[in-house]
Each structure stands twice: as C-alpha cells, then as structure tokens.
Amino acid sequence: MTAFKQHWTLESAMEILQHPTVDSEIWASAVEWLLIYGPPEVRELLQQASGQATRENFPELQPQGYGPDGSPCYDIADLARSLGISEEEARAQLAQKEQKHGVQHGFSDDDTTTLQ
C-alpha cells in the first residue's frame, strides 16, 4: 500500500471537500485520493466534473481513446501542449503520479479502445 493511499480515509477526504476555507493544495490532494481510491459513485461524480472542466478549459484537447476502465485517454504530446510544458515534463509528472499512487495512469495504444 502506498503512503498516499494511507494518507486519507473516505471520511477525511469528504470532509476536506466540504470545508469552506481549506487550502487548495489540500483540497486537490483529497480529490486526487477520491478519484483513485474513493467509492465508485464518488469517483464517477468527480470524473464527470473533471471531464466538464477539461472540455471548458481545454476545448482543443480531445481524447484519443478510452482506457480499460472507460476513462478518456489523451495523447501525452497534446496534454503537454495544452499545459504549456514539454512532453518530457508531462511524462515525468505522469511517472511521479504512477509511483505515488501505485496505479497505472499512462496507457499504450494496445491498452486503449480507440474512437470510431
């Protein structure tokens, strides 16, 4: 089990989300935990909100396929361009998240279902 997984509980993460004056970094960490380890109904709500925020703030960013769990997958170069960072930095951040979470976030073309 990763240290990040042990850092939160469902109750503590949900309490942070509802707190009116919580620090934005703590709030983001709680959301991150819920997206990965939260119950399915909470993950679904957060994924919907994330998808809407992505469409509104990065309209040029389009999923190139879908992962094994049905989540949208984006080209790493497109993500980097949208975020204004290098592709290498995007890959490094993805690797850090995978190590932190103990979960695969990046997928190859063989792991995704493409859009028709």
PDB file of N, CA and C in Angstrom:
ATOM      1  N   MET A   1       0.846  -1.178   0.000  1.00  0.00           N
ATOM      2  CA  MET A   1       0.000   0.000   0.000  1.00  0.00           C
ATOM      3  C   MET A   1       0.893   1.243   0.000  1.00  0.00           C
ATOM      4  N   THR A   2       0.543   2.221  -0.822  1.00  0.00           N
ATOM      5  CA  THR A   2       1.361   3.428  -0.905  1.00  0.00           C
ATOM      6  C   THR A   2       1.072   4.358   0.270  1.00  0.00           C
ATOM      7  N   ALA A   3       2.041   5.210   0.546  1.00  0.00           N
ATOM      8  CA  ALA A   3       1.865   6.206   1.616  1.00  0.00           C
ATOM      9  C   ALA A   3       0.700   7.131   1.289  1.00  0.00           C
ATOM     10  N   PHE A   4       0.538   7.454  -0.008  1.00  0.00           N
ATOM     11  CA  PHE A   4      -0.564   8.337  -0.407  1.00  0.00           C
ATOM     12  C   PHE A   4      -1.908   7.688  -0.088  1.00  0.00           C
ATOM     13  N   LYS A   5      -2.041   6.406  -0.356  1.00  0.00           N
ATOM     14  CA  LYS A   5      -3.307   5.720  -0.073  1.00  0.00           C
ATOM     15  C   LYS A   5      -3.612   5.762   1.419  1.00  0.00           C
ATOM     16  N   GLN A   6      -2.589   5.628   2.246  1.00  0.00           N
ATOM     17  CA  GLN A   6      -2.777   5.635   3.692  1.00  0.00           C
ATOM     18  C   GLN A   6      -2.994   7.036   4.251  1.00  0.00           C
ATOM     19  N   HIS A   7      -2.672   8.047   3.467  1.00  0.00           N
ATOM     20  CA  HIS A   7      -2.752   9.435   3.933  1.00  0.00           C
ATOM     21  C   HIS A   7      -4.184   9.891   4.207  1.00  0.00           C
ATOM     22  N   TRP A   8      -5.140   9.350   3.466  1.00  0.00           N
ATOM     23  CA  TRP A   8      -6.533   9.775   3.581  1.00  0.00           C
ATOM     24  C   TRP A   8      -7.429   8.593   3.927  1.00  0.00           C
ATOM     25  N   THR A   9      -8.606   8.914   4.432  1.00  0.00           N
ATOM     26  CA  THR A   9      -9.713   7.973   4.541  1.00  0.00           C
ATOM     27  C   THR A   9     -10.864   8.599   3.767  1.00  0.00           C
ATOM     28  N   LEU A  10     -11.875   7.828   3.487  1.00  0.00           N
ATOM     29  CA  LEU A  10     -13.042   8.379   2.803  1.00  0.00           C
ATOM     30  C   LEU A  10     -13.632   9.534   3.602  1.00  0.00           C
ATOM     31  N   GLU A  11     -13.735   9.353   4.893  1.00  0.00           N
ATOM     32  CA  GLU A  11     -14.339  10.386   5.743  1.00  0.00           C
ATOM     33  C   GLU A  11     -13.506  11.671   5.744  1.00  0.00           C
ATOM     34  N   SER A  12     -12.184  11.536   5.877  1.00  0.00           N
ATOM     35  CA  SER A  12     -11.346  12.745   5.923  1.00  0.00           C
ATOM     36  C   SER A  12     -11.329  13.459   4.579  1.00  0.00           C
ATOM     37  N   ALA A  13     -11.278  12.705   3.484  1.00  0.00           N
ATOM     38  CA  ALA A  13     -11.270  13.331   2.150  1.00  0.00           C
ATOM     39  C   ALA A  13     -12.594  14.049   1.881  1.00  0.00           C
ATOM     40  N   MET A  14     -13.701  13.429   2.245  1.00  0.00           N
ATOM     41  CA  MET A  14     -15.009  14.060   2.027  1.00  0.00           C
ATOM     42  C   MET A  14     -15.170  15.297   2.910  1.00  0.00           C
ATOM     43  N   GLU A  15     -14.646  15.254   4.107  1.00  0.00           N
ATOM     44  CA  GLU A  15     -14.704  16.422   4.992  1.00  0.00           C
ATOM     45  C   GLU A  15     -13.940  17.599   4.386  1.00  0.00           C
ATOM     46  N   ILE A  16     -12.782  17.320   3.814  1.00  0.00           N
ATOM     47  CA  ILE A  16     -11.977  18.369   3.169  1.00  0.00           C
ATOM     48  C   ILE A  16     -12.745  18.989   2.000  1.00  0.00           C
ATOM     49  N   LEU A  17     -13.392  18.165   1.199  1.00  0.00           N
ATOM     50  CA  LEU A  17     -14.139  18.678   0.051  1.00  0.00           C
ATOM     51  C   LEU A  17     -15.242  19.631   0.466  1.00  0.00           C
ATOM     52  N   GLN A  18     -15.805  19.416   1.624  1.00  0.00           N
ATOM     53  CA  GLN A  18     -16.922  20.234   2.086  1.00  0.00           C
ATOM     54  C   GLN A  18     -16.493  21.436   2.925  1.00  0.00           C
ATOM     55  N   HIS A  19     -15.229  21.514   3.269  1.00  0.00           N
ATOM     56  CA  HIS A  19     -14.746  22.593   4.131  1.00  0.00           C
ATOM     57  C   HIS A  19     -14.716  23.907   3.341  1.00  0.00           C
ATOM     58  N   PRO A  20     -15.276  24.986   3.883  1.00  0.00           N
ATOM     59  CA  PRO A  20     -15.389  26.230   3.114  1.00  0.00           C
ATOM     60  C   PRO A  20     -14.082  27.009   2.933  1.00  0.00           C
ATOM     61  N   THR A  21     -13.069  26.761   3.764  1.00  0.00           N
ATOM     62  CA  THR A  21     -11.861  27.589   3.674  1.00  0.00           C
ATOM     63  C   THR A  21     -10.573  26.763   3.579  1.00  0.00           C
ATOM     64  N   VAL A  22     -10.660  25.550   3.101  1.00  0.00           N
ATOM     65  CA  VAL A  22      -9.484  24.678   3.049  1.00  0.00           C
ATOM     66  C   VAL A  22      -8.485  25.157   1.987  1.00  0.00           C
ATOM     67  N   ASP A  23      -7.219  24.924   2.253  1.00  0.00           N
ATOM     68  CA  ASP A  23      -6.134  25.230   1.323  1.00  0.00           C
ATOM     69  C   ASP A  23      -6.347  24.468   0.012  1.00  0.00           C
ATOM     70  N   SER A  24      -6.083  25.119  -1.115  1.00  0.00           N
ATOM     71  CA  SER A  24      -6.346  24.498  -2.418  1.00  0.00           C
ATOM     72  C   SER A  24      -5.496  23.254  -2.667  1.00  0.00           C
ATOM     73  N   GLU A  25      -4.268  23.215  -2.170  1.00  0.00           N
ATOM     74  CA  GLU A  25      -3.423  22.031  -2.366  1.00  0.00           C
ATOM     75  C   GLU A  25      -3.953  20.837  -1.574  1.00  0.00           C
ATOM     76  N   ILE A  26      -4.440  21.089  -0.378  1.00  0.00           N
ATOM     77  CA  ILE A  26      -5.024  20.014   0.424  1.00  0.00           C
ATOM     78  C   ILE A  26      -6.308  19.521  -0.240  1.00  0.00           C
ATOM     79  N   TRP A  27      -7.122  20.460  -0.723  1.00  0.00           N
ATOM     80  CA  TRP A  27      -8.361  20.099  -1.407  1.00  0.00           C
ATOM     81  C   TRP A  27      -8.050  19.237  -2.632  1.00  0.00           C
ATOM     82  N   ALA A  28      -7.060  19.646  -3.436  1.00  0.00           N
ATOM     83  CA  ALA A  28      -6.692  18.887  -4.632  1.00  0.00           C
ATOM     84  C   ALA A  28      -6.185  17.495  -4.275  1.00  0.00           C
ATOM     85  N   SER A  29      -5.452  17.381  -3.184  1.00  0.00           N
ATOM     86  CA  SER A  29      -4.956  16.076  -2.752  1.00  0.00           C
ATOM     87  C   SER A  29      -6.114  15.161  -2.349  1.00  0.00           C
ATOM     88  N   ALA A  30      -7.103  15.714  -1.667  1.00  0.00           N
ATOM     89  CA  ALA A  30      -8.268  14.921  -1.279  1.00  0.00           C
ATOM     90  C   ALA A  30      -9.041  14.457  -2.510  1.00  0.00           C
ATOM     91  N   VAL A  31      -9.203  15.335  -3.493  1.00  0.00           N
ATOM     92  CA  VAL A  31      -9.890  14.966  -4.735  1.00  0.00           C
ATOM     93  C   VAL A  31      -9.106  13.875  -5.463  1.00  0.00           C
ATOM     94  N   GLU A  32      -7.800  14.043  -5.536  1.00  0.00           N
ATOM     95  CA  GLU A  32      -6.929  13.049  -6.174  1.00  0.00           C
ATOM     96  C   GLU A  32      -7.113  11.682  -5.510  1.00  0.00           C
ATOM     97  N   TRP A  33      -7.128  11.657  -4.180  1.00  0.00           N
ATOM     98  CA  TRP A  33      -7.303  10.407  -3.451  1.00  0.00           C
ATOM     99  C   TRP A  33      -8.660   9.787  -3.776  1.00  0.00           C
ATOM    100  N   LEU A  34      -9.701  10.618  -3.776  1.00  0.00           N
ATOM    101  CA  LEU A  34     -11.047  10.116  -4.061  1.00  0.00           C
ATOM    102  C   LEU A  34     -11.173   9.593  -5.484  1.00  0.00           C
ATOM    103  N   LEU A  35     -10.505  10.244  -6.436  1.00  0.00           N
ATOM    104  CA  LEU A  35     -10.552   9.772  -7.827  1.00  0.00           C
ATOM    105  C   LEU A  35      -9.921   8.393  -7.983  1.00  0.00           C
ATOM    106  N   ILE A  36      -8.962   8.079  -7.137  1.00  0.00           N
ATOM    107  CA  ILE A  36      -8.258   6.807  -7.258  1.00  0.00           C
ATOM    108  C   ILE A  36      -8.816   5.744  -6.316  1.00  0.00           C
ATOM    109  N   TYR A  37      -9.080   6.118  -5.077  1.00  0.00           N
ATOM    110  CA  TYR A  37      -9.430   5.136  -4.048  1.00  0.00           C
ATOM    111  C   TYR A  37     -10.852   5.266  -3.512  1.00  0.00           C
ATOM    112  N   GLY A  38     -11.568   6.301  -3.921  1.00  0.00           N
ATOM    113  CA  GLY A  38     -12.913   6.510  -3.401  1.00  0.00           C
ATOM    114  C   GLY A  38     -13.900   5.481  -3.913  1.00  0.00           C
ATOM    115  N   PRO A  39     -15.095   5.462  -3.339  1.00  0.00           N
ATOM    116  CA  PRO A  39     -16.120   4.524  -3.806  1.00  0.00           C
ATOM    117  C   PRO A  39     -16.552   4.867  -5.230  1.00  0.00           C
ATOM    118  N   PRO A  40     -17.041   3.876  -5.970  1.00  0.00           N
ATOM    119  CA  PRO A  40     -17.380   4.087  -7.386  1.00  0.00           C
ATOM    120  C   PRO A  40     -18.285   5.281  -7.654  1.00  0.00           C
ATOM    121  N   GLU A  41     -19.284   5.504  -6.812  1.00  0.00           N
ATOM    122  CA  GLU A  41     -20.218   6.602  -7.073  1.00  0.00           C
ATOM    123  C   GLU A  41     -19.546   7.970  -6.912  1.00  0.00           C
ATOM    124  N   VAL A  42     -18.611   8.086  -5.991  1.00  0.00           N
ATOM    125  CA  VAL A  42     -17.871   9.343  -5.809  1.00  0.00           C
ATOM    126  C   VAL A  42     -16.892   9.520  -6.964  1.00  0.00           C
ATOM    127  N   ARG A  43     -16.190   8.462  -7.348  1.00  0.00           N
ATOM    128  CA  ARG A  43     -15.263   8.547  -8.485  1.00  0.00           C
ATOM    129  C   ARG A  43     -16.001   8.968  -9.748  1.00  0.00           C
ATOM    130  N   GLU A  44     -17.183   8.413  -9.968  1.00  0.00           N
ATOM    131  CA  GLU A  44     -17.967   8.746 -11.163  1.00  0.00           C
ATOM    132  C   GLU A  44     -18.345  10.234 -11.173  1.00  0.00           C
ATOM    133  N   LEU A  45     -18.806  10.757 -10.052  1.00  0.00           N
ATOM    134  CA  LEU A  45     -19.162  12.180  -9.980  1.00  0.00           C
ATOM    135  C   LEU A  45     -17.949  13.078 -10.237  1.00  0.00           C
ATOM    136  N   LEU A  46     -16.815  12.732  -9.635  1.00  0.00           N
ATOM    137  CA  LEU A  46     -15.606  13.528  -9.822  1.00  0.00           C
ATOM    138  C   LEU A  46     -15.079  13.423 -11.253  1.00  0.00           C
ATOM    139  N   GLN A  47     -15.189  12.247 -11.863  1.00  0.00           N
ATOM    140  CA  GLN A  47     -14.757  12.090 -13.252  1.00  0.00           C
ATOM    141  C   GLN A  47     -15.637  12.906 -14.193  1.00  0.00           C
ATOM    142  N   GLN A  48     -16.931  12.956 -13.917  1.00  0.00           N
ATOM    143  CA  GLN A  48     -17.830  13.785 -14.725  1.00  0.00           C
ATOM    144  C   GLN A  48     -17.454  15.258 -14.606  1.00  0.00           C
ATOM    145  N   ALA A  49     -17.212  15.702 -13.386  1.00  0.00           N
ATOM    146  CA  ALA A  49     -16.821  17.100 -13.164  1.00  0.00           C
ATOM    147  C   ALA A  49     -15.484  17.392 -13.835  1.00  0.00           C
ATOM    148  N   SER A  50     -14.550  16.469 -13.739  1.00  0.00           N
ATOM    149  CA  SER A  50     -13.243  16.640 -14.365  1.00  0.00           C
ATOM    150  C   SER A  50     -13.371  16.723 -15.887  1.00  0.00           C
ATOM    151  N   GLY A  51     -14.206  15.869 -16.446  1.00  0.00           N
ATOM    152  CA  GLY A  51     -14.430  15.896 -17.900  1.00  0.00           C
ATOM    153  C   GLY A  51     -15.020  17.216 -18.359  1.00  0.00           C
ATOM    154  N   GLN A  52     -15.987  17.721 -17.609  1.00  0.00           N
ATOM    155  CA  GLN A  52     -16.587  19.004 -17.960  1.00  0.00           C
ATOM    156  C   GLN A  52     -15.571  20.135 -17.851  1.00  0.00           C
ATOM    157  N   ALA A  53     -14.772  20.125 -16.787  1.00  0.00           N
ATOM    158  CA  ALA A  53     -13.745  21.156 -16.608  1.00  0.00           C
ATOM    159  C   ALA A  53     -12.711  21.085 -17.734  1.00  0.00           C
ATOM    160  N   THR A  54     -12.340  19.894 -18.141  1.00  0.00           N
ATOM    161  CA  THR A  54     -11.382  19.727 -19.246  1.00  0.00           C
ATOM    162  C   THR A  54     -11.970  20.294 -20.534  1.00  0.00           C
ATOM    163  N   ARG A  55     -13.225  19.955 -20.834  1.00  0.00           N
ATOM    164  CA  ARG A  55     -13.865  20.449 -22.062  1.00  0.00           C
ATOM    165  C   ARG A  55     -13.971  21.973 -22.065  1.00  0.00           C
ATOM    166  N   GLU A  56     -14.276  22.565 -20.910  1.00  0.00           N
ATOM    167  CA  GLU A  56     -14.437  24.014 -20.830  1.00  0.00           C
ATOM    168  C   GLU A  56     -13.104  24.758 -20.882  1.00  0.00           C
ATOM    169  N   ASN A  57     -12.086  24.218 -20.224  1.00  0.00           N
ATOM    170  CA  ASN A  57     -10.812  24.920 -20.116  1.00  0.00           C
ATOM    171  C   ASN A  57      -9.789  24.545 -21.175  1.00  0.00           C
ATOM    172  N   PHE A  58      -9.950  23.390 -21.777  1.00  0.00           N
ATOM    173  CA  PHE A  58      -9.032  22.915 -22.817  1.00  0.00           C
ATOM    174  C   PHE A  58      -9.838  22.351 -23.981  1.00  0.00           C
ATOM    175  N   PRO A  59     -10.627  23.192 -24.652  1.00  0.00           N
ATOM    176  CA  PRO A  59     -11.519  22.676 -25.705  1.00  0.00           C
ATOM    177  C   PRO A  59     -10.770  22.001 -26.862  1.00  0.00           C
ATOM    178  N   GLU A  60      -9.502  22.348 -27.046  1.00  0.00           N
ATOM    179  CA  GLU A  60      -8.718  21.732 -28.120  1.00  0.00           C
ATOM    180  C   GLU A  60      -8.272  20.311 -27.770  1.00  0.00           C
ATOM    181  N   LEU A  61      -8.345  19.946 -26.511  1.00  0.00           N
ATOM    182  CA  LEU A  61      -7.878  18.645 -26.041  1.00  0.00           C
ATOM    183  C   LEU A  61      -8.989  17.619 -26.213  1.00  0.00           C
ATOM    184  N   GLN A  62      -8.730  16.624 -27.037  1.00  0.00           N
ATOM    185  CA  GLN A  62      -9.715  15.587 -27.310  1.00  0.00           C
ATOM    186  C   GLN A  62      -9.152  14.219 -26.951  1.00  0.00           C
ATOM    187  N   PRO A  63      -9.964  13.361 -26.326  1.00  0.00           N
ATOM    188  CA  PRO A  63      -9.466  12.016 -26.021  1.00  0.00           C
ATOM    189  C   PRO A  63      -9.151  11.267 -27.316  1.00  0.00           C
ATOM    190  N   GLN A  64      -8.088  10.476 -27.274  1.00  0.00           N
ATOM    191  CA  GLN A  64      -7.681   9.682 -28.426  1.00  0.00           C
ATOM    192  C   GLN A  64      -8.191   8.248 -28.312  1.00  0.00           C
ATOM    193  N   GLY A  65      -8.747   7.915 -27.153  1.00  0.00           N
ATOM    194  CA  GLY A  65      -9.282   6.585 -26.905  1.00  0.00           C
ATOM    195  C   GLY A  65      -9.761   6.505 -25.475  1.00  0.00           C
ATOM    196  N   TYR A  66     -10.045   5.289 -25.053  1.00  0.00           N
ATOM    197  CA  TYR A  66     -10.530   5.057 -23.702  1.00  0.00           C
ATOM    198  C   TYR A  66      -9.768   3.914 -23.069  1.00  0.00           C
ATOM    199  N   GLY A  67      -9.446   4.085 -21.783  1.00  0.00           N
ATOM    200  CA  GLY A  67      -8.689   3.083 -21.046  1.00  0.00           C
ATOM    201  C   GLY A  67      -9.550   1.883 -20.694  1.00  0.00           C
ATOM    202  N   PRO A  68      -8.937   0.874 -20.111  1.00  0.00           N
ATOM    203  CA  PRO A  68      -9.661  -0.344 -19.738  1.00  0.00           C
ATOM    204  C   PRO A  68     -10.856  -0.091 -18.823  1.00  0.00           C
ATOM    205  N   ASP A  69     -10.793   0.976 -18.017  1.00  0.00           N
ATOM    206  CA  ASP A  69     -11.907   1.291 -17.118  1.00  0.00           C
ATOM    207  C   ASP A  69     -12.915   2.258 -17.732  1.00  0.00           C
ATOM    208  N   GLY A  70     -12.709   2.608 -19.009  1.00  0.00           N
ATOM    209  CA  GLY A  70     -13.628   3.518 -19.699  1.00  0.00           C
ATOM    210  C   GLY A  70     -13.262   4.983 -19.597  1.00  0.00           C
ATOM    211  N   SER A  71     -12.181   5.302 -18.895  1.00  0.00           N
ATOM    212  CA  SER A  71     -11.780   6.701 -18.745  1.00  0.00           C
ATOM    213  C   SER A  71     -11.113   7.199 -20.027  1.00  0.00           C
ATOM    214  N   PRO A  72     -11.296   8.485 -20.346  1.00  0.00           N
ATOM    215  CA  PRO A  72     -10.696   9.020 -21.560  1.00  0.00           C
ATOM    216  C   PRO A  72      -9.177   9.027 -21.477  1.00  0.00           C
ATOM    217  N   CYS A  73      -8.538   8.751 -22.596  1.00  0.00           N
ATOM    218  CA  CYS A  73      -7.075   8.768 -22.690  1.00  0.00           C
ATOM    219  C   CYS A  73      -6.673   9.829 -23.711  1.00  0.00           C
ATOM    220  N   TYR A  74      -5.676  10.618 -23.335  1.00  0.00           N
ATOM    221  CA  TYR A  74      -5.206  11.712 -24.169  1.00  0.00           C
ATOM    222  C   TYR A  74      -3.775  11.438 -24.621  1.00  0.00           C
ATOM    223  N   ASP A  75      -3.422  11.965 -25.768  1.00  0.00           N
ATOM    224  CA  ASP A  75      -2.051  11.869 -26.246  1.00  0.00           C
ATOM    225  C   ASP A  75      -1.172  12.739 -25.352  1.00  0.00           C
ATOM    226  N   ILE A  76      -0.058  12.193 -24.898  1.00  0.00           N
ATOM    227  CA  ILE A  76       0.817  12.906 -23.956  1.00  0.00           C
ATOM    228  C   ILE A  76       1.354  14.202 -24.559  1.00  0.00           C
ATOM    229  N   ALA A  77       1.628  14.211 -25.857  1.00  0.00           N
ATOM    230  CA  ALA A  77       2.112  15.435 -26.515  1.00  0.00           C
ATOM    231  C   ALA A  77       1.022  16.507 -26.514  1.00  0.00           C
ATOM    232  N   ASP A  78      -0.233  16.103 -26.753  1.00  0.00           N
ATOM    233  CA  ASP A  78      -1.351  17.052 -26.726  1.00  0.00           C
ATOM    234  C   ASP A  78      -1.545  17.618 -25.322  1.00  0.00           C
ATOM    235  N   LEU A  79      -1.441  16.747 -24.316  1.00  0.00           N
ATOM    236  CA  LEU A  79      -1.552  17.213 -22.930  1.00  0.00           C
ATOM    237  C   LEU A  79      -0.468  18.232 -22.601  1.00  0.00           C
ATOM    238  N   ALA A  80       0.757  17.910 -22.981  1.00  0.00           N
ATOM    239  CA  ALA A  80       1.881  18.811 -22.703  1.00  0.00           C
ATOM    240  C   ALA A  80       1.656  20.178 -23.354  1.00  0.00           C
ATOM    241  N   ARG A  81       1.250  20.174 -24.617  1.00  0.00           N
ATOM    242  CA  ARG A  81       0.991  21.440 -25.335  1.00  0.00           C
ATOM    243  C   ARG A  81      -0.091  22.249 -24.625  1.00  0.00           C
ATOM    244  N   SER A  82      -1.178  21.591 -24.240  1.00  0.00           N
ATOM    245  CA  SER A  82      -2.283  22.283 -23.579  1.00  0.00           C
ATOM    246  C   SER A  82      -1.866  22.877 -22.240  1.00  0.00           C
ATOM    247  N   LEU A  83      -0.948  22.195 -21.550  1.00  0.00           N
ATOM    248  CA  LEU A  83      -0.485  22.667 -20.243  1.00  0.00           C
ATOM    249  C   LEU A  83       0.705  23.615 -20.340  1.00  0.00           C
ATOM    250  N   GLY A  84       1.250  23.771 -21.558  1.00  0.00           N
ATOM    251  CA  GLY A  84       2.387  24.669 -21.740  1.00  0.00           C
ATOM    252  C   GLY A  84       3.676  24.126 -21.153  1.00  0.00           C
ATOM    253  N   ILE A  85       3.828  22.801 -21.181  1.00  0.00           N
ATOM    254  CA  ILE A  85       5.054  22.170 -20.685  1.00  0.00           C
ATOM    255  C   ILE A  85       5.615  21.258 -21.769  1.00  0.00           C
ATOM    256  N   SER A  86       6.829  20.800 -21.579  1.00  0.00           N
ATOM    257  CA  SER A  86       7.426  19.891 -22.550  1.00  0.00           C
ATOM    258  C   SER A  86       6.818  18.500 -22.396  1.00  0.00           C
ATOM    259  N   GLU A  87       6.935  17.729 -23.444  1.00  0.00           N
ATOM    260  CA  GLU A  87       6.454  16.352 -23.377  1.00  0.00           C
ATOM    261  C   GLU A  87       7.235  15.562 -22.325  1.00  0.00           C
ATOM    262  N   GLU A  88       8.525  15.865 -22.204  1.00  0.00           N
ATOM    263  CA  GLU A  88       9.345  15.180 -21.199  1.00  0.00           C
ATOM    264  C   GLU A  88       8.842  15.475 -19.784  1.00  0.00           C
ATOM    265  N   GLU A  89       8.489  16.741 -19.536  1.00  0.00           N
ATOM    266  CA  GLU A  89       7.964  17.113 -18.217  1.00  0.00           C
ATOM    267  C   GLU A  89       6.622  16.419 -17.977  1.00  0.00           C
ATOM    268  N   ALA A  90       5.782  16.337 -18.995  1.00  0.00           N
ATOM    269  CA  ALA A  90       4.497  15.649 -18.843  1.00  0.00           C
ATOM    270  C   ALA A  90       4.720  14.174 -18.518  1.00  0.00           C
ATOM    271  N   ARG A  91       5.671  13.540 -19.200  1.00  0.00           N
ATOM    272  CA  ARG A  91       5.980  12.125 -18.921  1.00  0.00           C
ATOM    273  C   ARG A  91       6.528  11.959 -17.501  1.00  0.00           C
ATOM    274  N   ALA A  92       7.358  12.899 -17.065  1.00  0.00           N
ATOM    275  CA  ALA A  92       7.919  12.835 -15.715  1.00  0.00           C
ATOM    276  C   ALA A  92       6.811  12.976 -14.671  1.00  0.00           C
ATOM    277  N   GLN A  93       5.882  13.901 -14.899  1.00  0.00           N
ATOM    278  CA  GLN A  93       4.777  14.076 -13.955  1.00  0.00           C
ATOM    279  C   GLN A  93       3.888  12.845 -13.907  1.00  0.00           C
ATOM    280  N   LEU A  94       3.642  12.244 -15.068  1.00  0.00           N
ATOM    281  CA  LEU A  94       2.846  11.021 -15.125  1.00  0.00           C
ATOM    282  C   LEU A  94       3.536   9.897 -14.354  1.00  0.00           C
ATOM    283  N   ALA A  95       4.830   9.761 -14.535  1.00  0.00           N
ATOM    284  CA  ALA A  95       5.596   8.724 -13.820  1.00  0.00           C
ATOM    285  C   ALA A  95       5.550   8.968 -12.313  1.00  0.00           C
ATOM    286  N   GLN A  96       5.651  10.234 -11.887  1.00  0.00           N
ATOM    287  CA  GLN A  96       5.573  10.557 -10.460  1.00  0.00           C
ATOM    288  C   GLN A  96       4.216  10.159  -9.884  1.00  0.00           C
ATOM    289  N   LYS A  97       3.145  10.453 -10.626  1.00  0.00           N
ATOM    290  CA  LYS A  97       1.793  10.099 -10.162  1.00  0.00           C
ATOM    291  C   LYS A  97       1.644   8.582 -10.069  1.00  0.00           C
ATOM    292  N   GLU A  98       2.173   7.866 -11.045  1.00  0.00           N
ATOM    293  CA  GLU A  98       2.067   6.407 -11.012  1.00  0.00           C
ATOM    294  C   GLU A  98       2.801   5.836  -9.804  1.00  0.00           C
ATOM    295  N   GLN A  99       3.975   6.375  -9.531  1.00  0.00           N
ATOM    296  CA  GLN A  99       4.738   5.902  -8.377  1.00  0.00           C
ATOM    297  C   GLN A  99       4.028   6.276  -7.074  1.00  0.00           C
ATOM    298  N   LYS A 100       3.540   7.493  -6.992  1.00  0.00           N
ATOM    299  CA  LYS A 100       2.862   7.973  -5.787  1.00  0.00           C
ATOM    300  C   LYS A 100       1.606   7.156  -5.488  1.00  0.00           C
ATOM    301  N   HIS A 101       0.851   6.836  -6.540  1.00  0.00           N
ATOM    302  CA  HIS A 101      -0.432   6.164  -6.360  1.00  0.00           C
ATOM    303  C   HIS A 101      -0.349   4.651  -6.406  1.00  0.00           C
ATOM    304  N   GLY A 102       0.720   4.128  -6.995  1.00  0.00           N
ATOM    305  CA  GLY A 102       0.784   2.684  -7.178  1.00  0.00           C
ATOM    306  C   GLY A 102      -0.246   2.203  -8.175  1.00  0.00           C
ATOM    307  N   VAL A 103      -0.596   3.089  -9.118  1.00  0.00           N
ATOM    308  CA  VAL A 103      -1.630   2.813 -10.113  1.00  0.00           C
ATOM    309  C   VAL A 103      -1.116   3.254 -11.470  1.00  0.00           C
ATOM    310  N   GLN A 104      -1.405   2.476 -12.509  1.00  0.00           N
ATOM    311  CA  GLN A 104      -1.017   2.858 -13.868  1.00  0.00           C
ATOM    312  C   GLN A 104      -1.961   3.950 -14.375  1.00  0.00           C
ATOM    313  N   HIS A 105      -1.390   5.064 -14.816  1.00  0.00           N
ATOM    314  CA  HIS A 105      -2.177   6.157 -15.381  1.00  0.00           C
ATOM    315  C   HIS A 105      -1.933   6.308 -16.878  1.00  0.00           C
ATOM    316  N   GLY A 106      -0.762   5.932 -17.342  1.00  0.00           N
ATOM    317  CA  GLY A 106      -0.428   6.031 -18.759  1.00  0.00           C
ATOM    318  C   GLY A 106      -0.646   4.694 -19.441  1.00  0.00           C
ATOM    319  N   PHE A 107      -1.216   4.738 -20.631  1.00  0.00           N
ATOM    320  CA  PHE A 107      -1.510   3.514 -21.365  1.00  0.00           C
ATOM    321  C   PHE A 107      -0.946   3.594 -22.773  1.00  0.00           C
ATOM    322  N   SER A 108      -0.591   2.454 -23.322  1.00  0.00           N
ATOM    323  CA  SER A 108      -0.147   2.397 -24.713  1.00  0.00           C
ATOM    324  C   SER A 108      -1.374   2.227 -25.604  1.00  0.00           C
ATOM    325  N   ASP A 109      -1.172   2.352 -26.906  1.00  0.00           N
ATOM    326  CA  ASP A 109      -2.277   2.154 -27.846  1.00  0.00           C
ATOM    327  C   ASP A 109      -2.893   0.767 -27.704  1.00  0.00           C
ATOM    328  N   ASP A 110      -2.080  -0.213 -27.333  1.00  0.00           N
ATOM    329  CA  ASP A 110      -2.576  -1.585 -27.176  1.00  0.00           C
ATOM    330  C   ASP A 110      -3.531  -1.723 -25.996  1.00  0.00           C
ATOM    331  N   ASP A 111      -3.432  -0.807 -25.032  1.00  0.00           N
ATOM    332  CA  ASP A 111      -4.257  -0.880 -23.829  1.00  0.00           C
ATOM    333  C   ASP A 111      -5.559  -0.095 -23.940  1.00  0.00           C
ATOM    334  N   THR A 112      -5.715   0.660 -25.009  1.00  0.00           N
ATOM    335  CA  THR A 112      -6.889   1.533 -25.121  1.00  0.00           C
ATOM    336  C   THR A 112      -7.798   1.096 -26.257  1.00  0.00           C
ATOM    337  N   THR A 113      -9.024   1.559 -26.162  1.00  0.00           N
ATOM    338  CA  THR A 113     -10.000   1.394 -27.233  1.00  0.00           C
ATOM    339  C   THR A 113     -10.086   2.723 -27.947  1.00  0.00           C
ATOM    340  N   THR A 114      -9.866   2.715 -29.253  1.00  0.00           N
ATOM    341  CA  THR A 114      -9.871   3.971 -29.994  1.00  0.00           C
ATOM    342  C   THR A 114     -11.285   4.385 -30.355  1.00  0.00           C
ATOM    343  N   LEU A 115     -11.420   5.664 -30.647  1.00  0.00           N
ATOM    344  CA  LEU A 115     -12.711   6.202 -31.063  1.00  0.00           C
ATOM    345  C   LEU A 115     -12.952   5.848 -32.512  1.00  0.00           C
ATOM    346  N   GLN A 116     -14.153   5.538 -32.840  1.00  0.00           N
ATOM    347  CA  GLN A 116     -14.513   5.188 -34.217  1.00  0.00           C
ATOM    348  C   GLN A 116     -15.125   6.366 -34.932  1.00  0.00           C
TER     349      GLN A 116
END
